[in-house]
């Protein structure tokens, strides 16, 4: 019977970062006593859901609605 192979050393594996949520201070701006939204709202979900901004598109994380930016 052959001896078992030596166990390999465990490598340090970095865990992936968790989902990032926008902070409320980045979603709104105060302009002369009025609150103004800085992010685009989803047309399907309504005014309470903001869309994520990417370099070539804006997309909703809740329903998946996407608008592509024109070049």
N, C-alpha and C. Protein backbone atom coordinates (compact mmCIF):
# COMPACT_ATOMS: atom_id res chain seq x y z
N UNK A 1 0.84 -1.17 0.00
CA UNK A 1 0.00 0.00 0.00
C UNK A 1 0.89 1.24 0.00
N UNK A 2 0.56 2.23 -0.83
CA UNK A 2 1.36 3.45 -0.96
C UNK A 2 0.96 4.46 0.10
N UNK A 3 1.91 5.25 0.51
CA UNK A 3 1.65 6.30 1.50
C UNK A 3 0.88 7.44 0.84
N UNK A 4 -0.04 8.08 1.57
CA UNK A 4 -0.80 9.19 0.97
C UNK A 4 0.12 10.39 0.71
N UNK A 5 -0.26 11.15 -0.31
CA UNK A 5 0.52 12.33 -0.69
C UNK A 5 0.40 13.39 0.41
N UNK A 6 1.46 14.17 0.63
CA UNK A 6 1.39 15.22 1.66
C UNK A 6 0.32 16.25 1.29
N UNK A 7 -0.35 16.77 2.31
CA UNK A 7 -1.41 17.75 2.09
C UNK A 7 -0.81 19.07 1.61
N UNK A 8 -1.47 19.67 0.66
CA UNK A 8 -1.00 20.95 0.13
C UNK A 8 -1.27 22.05 1.13
N UNK A 9 -0.41 23.06 1.14
CA UNK A 9 -0.61 24.19 2.05
C UNK A 9 -1.81 25.01 1.58
N UNK A 10 -2.53 25.52 2.55
CA UNK A 10 -3.67 26.37 2.21
C UNK A 10 -3.15 27.74 1.80
N UNK A 11 -3.68 28.25 0.71
CA UNK A 11 -3.30 29.58 0.24
C UNK A 11 -4.24 30.60 0.85
N UNK A 12 -3.70 31.78 1.09
CA UNK A 12 -4.54 32.86 1.59
C UNK A 12 -5.41 33.36 0.44
N UNK A 13 -6.69 33.19 0.58
CA UNK A 13 -7.63 33.59 -0.46
C UNK A 13 -8.37 34.82 0.04
N UNK A 14 -8.35 35.87 -0.77
CA UNK A 14 -9.07 37.09 -0.41
C UNK A 14 -10.54 36.92 -0.73
N UNK A 15 -11.37 37.34 0.18
CA UNK A 15 -12.81 37.26 -0.05
C UNK A 15 -13.24 38.44 -0.90
N UNK A 16 -14.23 38.21 -1.74
CA UNK A 16 -14.76 39.27 -2.59
C UNK A 16 -15.51 40.27 -1.72
N UNK A 17 -15.44 41.52 -2.12
CA UNK A 17 -16.14 42.57 -1.40
C UNK A 17 -17.64 42.39 -1.55
N UNK A 18 -18.38 42.73 -0.52
CA UNK A 18 -19.83 42.62 -0.55
C UNK A 18 -20.44 43.70 -1.42
N UNK A 19 -21.74 43.64 -1.63
CA UNK A 19 -22.39 44.65 -2.45
C UNK A 19 -22.28 46.03 -1.83
N UNK A 20 -22.07 47.02 -2.67
CA UNK A 20 -21.92 48.39 -2.21
C UNK A 20 -23.24 49.12 -2.39
N UNK A 21 -23.68 49.79 -1.37
CA UNK A 21 -24.89 50.58 -1.52
C UNK A 21 -24.51 52.05 -1.48
N UNK A 22 -25.27 52.85 -2.20
CA UNK A 22 -24.96 54.26 -2.22
C UNK A 22 -25.37 54.89 -0.90
N UNK A 23 -24.61 55.85 -0.47
CA UNK A 23 -25.00 56.52 0.76
C UNK A 23 -26.04 57.58 0.42
N UNK A 24 -26.86 57.89 1.37
CA UNK A 24 -27.93 58.85 1.12
C UNK A 24 -27.40 60.24 0.81
N UNK A 25 -26.23 60.56 1.34
CA UNK A 25 -25.68 61.89 1.07
C UNK A 25 -25.25 62.04 -0.38
N UNK A 26 -24.97 60.92 -1.09
CA UNK A 26 -24.62 60.99 -2.51
C UNK A 26 -25.85 60.95 -3.41
N UNK A 27 -26.99 60.57 -2.90
CA UNK A 27 -28.19 60.45 -3.71
C UNK A 27 -28.98 61.76 -3.74
N UNK A 28 -28.77 62.62 -2.76
CA UNK A 28 -29.51 63.87 -2.68
C UNK A 28 -28.56 65.04 -2.52
N UNK A 29 -29.04 66.24 -2.89
CA UNK A 29 -28.26 67.46 -2.77
C UNK A 29 -29.20 68.56 -2.30
N UNK A 30 -28.74 69.40 -1.40
CA UNK A 30 -29.55 70.52 -0.92
C UNK A 30 -29.17 71.75 -1.73
N UNK A 31 -30.17 72.34 -2.37
CA UNK A 31 -29.93 73.50 -3.24
C UNK A 31 -30.86 74.62 -2.80
N UNK A 32 -30.35 75.53 -2.01
CA UNK A 32 -31.14 76.69 -1.59
C UNK A 32 -32.36 76.32 -0.77
N UNK A 33 -32.26 75.38 0.12
CA UNK A 33 -33.38 74.99 0.96
C UNK A 33 -34.27 73.92 0.36
N UNK A 34 -34.01 73.50 -0.86
CA UNK A 34 -34.79 72.42 -1.49
C UNK A 34 -33.91 71.20 -1.66
N UNK A 35 -34.52 70.04 -1.52
CA UNK A 35 -33.80 68.79 -1.72
C UNK A 35 -33.93 68.38 -3.18
N UNK A 36 -32.79 68.12 -3.83
CA UNK A 36 -32.76 67.75 -5.24
C UNK A 36 -32.12 66.37 -5.36
N UNK A 37 -32.72 65.50 -6.15
CA UNK A 37 -32.15 64.17 -6.37
C UNK A 37 -31.02 64.27 -7.39
N UNK A 38 -29.89 63.62 -7.11
CA UNK A 38 -28.77 63.66 -8.03
C UNK A 38 -28.72 62.43 -8.94
N UNK A 39 -29.35 61.35 -8.51
CA UNK A 39 -29.38 60.12 -9.30
C UNK A 39 -30.69 60.03 -10.08
N UNK A 40 -30.65 59.33 -11.21
CA UNK A 40 -31.84 59.14 -12.03
C UNK A 40 -32.72 58.07 -11.40
N UNK A 41 -34.02 58.31 -11.37
CA UNK A 41 -34.98 57.33 -10.83
C UNK A 41 -35.41 56.37 -11.93
N UNK A 42 -35.76 55.15 -11.55
CA UNK A 42 -36.20 54.14 -12.51
C UNK A 42 -37.61 54.48 -12.99
N UNK A 43 -37.85 54.50 -14.31
CA UNK A 43 -39.20 54.81 -14.81
C UNK A 43 -40.21 53.70 -14.55
N UNK A 44 -39.77 52.46 -14.38
CA UNK A 44 -40.68 51.36 -14.11
C UNK A 44 -41.01 51.24 -12.63
N UNK A 45 -39.99 51.34 -11.77
CA UNK A 45 -40.18 51.14 -10.32
C UNK A 45 -40.73 52.37 -9.61
N UNK A 46 -40.43 53.53 -10.10
CA UNK A 46 -40.95 54.74 -9.48
C UNK A 46 -39.86 55.60 -8.88
N UNK A 47 -40.27 56.70 -8.25
CA UNK A 47 -39.31 57.70 -7.77
C UNK A 47 -38.48 57.28 -6.56
N UNK A 48 -38.78 56.18 -5.90
CA UNK A 48 -38.01 55.77 -4.73
C UNK A 48 -36.81 54.90 -5.04
N UNK A 49 -36.68 54.42 -6.28
CA UNK A 49 -35.61 53.51 -6.68
C UNK A 49 -34.67 54.25 -7.63
N UNK A 50 -33.39 54.31 -7.25
CA UNK A 50 -32.39 54.98 -8.08
C UNK A 50 -31.73 53.99 -9.03
N UNK A 51 -31.23 54.52 -10.16
CA UNK A 51 -30.55 53.70 -11.14
C UNK A 51 -29.04 53.84 -10.97
N UNK A 52 -28.32 52.75 -11.18
CA UNK A 52 -26.87 52.74 -11.07
C UNK A 52 -26.28 53.32 -12.35
N UNK A 53 -25.23 54.11 -12.22
CA UNK A 53 -24.59 54.73 -13.36
C UNK A 53 -23.31 53.97 -13.69
N UNK A 54 -23.22 53.47 -14.92
CA UNK A 54 -22.03 52.81 -15.43
C UNK A 54 -21.45 53.66 -16.53
N UNK A 55 -20.31 53.27 -17.10
CA UNK A 55 -19.69 54.13 -18.10
C UNK A 55 -20.46 54.15 -19.42
N UNK A 56 -21.22 53.09 -19.74
CA UNK A 56 -21.94 53.05 -21.00
C UNK A 56 -23.45 52.89 -20.85
N UNK A 57 -23.95 52.87 -19.59
CA UNK A 57 -25.38 52.64 -19.39
C UNK A 57 -25.79 53.06 -17.98
N UNK A 58 -27.09 53.17 -17.77
CA UNK A 58 -27.67 53.30 -16.43
C UNK A 58 -28.65 52.16 -16.28
N UNK A 59 -28.64 51.50 -15.11
CA UNK A 59 -29.49 50.34 -14.93
C UNK A 59 -30.10 50.31 -13.54
N UNK A 60 -31.27 49.68 -13.46
CA UNK A 60 -31.98 49.52 -12.20
C UNK A 60 -31.60 48.18 -11.61
N UNK A 61 -31.24 48.15 -10.33
CA UNK A 61 -30.87 46.92 -9.67
C UNK A 61 -32.06 46.10 -9.23
N UNK A 62 -33.23 46.73 -9.18
CA UNK A 62 -34.42 46.03 -8.71
C UNK A 62 -35.13 45.28 -9.84
N UNK A 63 -35.39 45.95 -10.96
CA UNK A 63 -36.15 45.32 -12.03
C UNK A 63 -35.29 44.98 -13.26
N UNK A 64 -34.07 45.52 -13.35
CA UNK A 64 -33.20 45.22 -14.47
C UNK A 64 -33.36 46.13 -15.66
N UNK A 65 -34.16 47.17 -15.55
CA UNK A 65 -34.34 48.12 -16.66
C UNK A 65 -33.02 48.79 -16.95
N UNK A 66 -32.65 48.90 -18.25
CA UNK A 66 -31.36 49.48 -18.65
C UNK A 66 -31.56 50.47 -19.78
N UNK A 67 -30.88 51.59 -19.67
CA UNK A 67 -30.81 52.58 -20.76
C UNK A 67 -29.35 52.73 -21.12
N UNK A 68 -29.05 52.57 -22.43
CA UNK A 68 -27.68 52.71 -22.89
C UNK A 68 -27.42 54.17 -23.26
N UNK A 69 -26.21 54.64 -22.91
CA UNK A 69 -25.82 56.01 -23.24
C UNK A 69 -25.40 56.06 -24.70
N UNK A 70 -25.72 57.16 -25.34
CA UNK A 70 -25.34 57.33 -26.75
C UNK A 70 -23.91 57.83 -26.80
N UNK A 71 -23.16 57.33 -27.76
CA UNK A 71 -21.75 57.69 -27.89
C UNK A 71 -21.57 59.04 -28.53
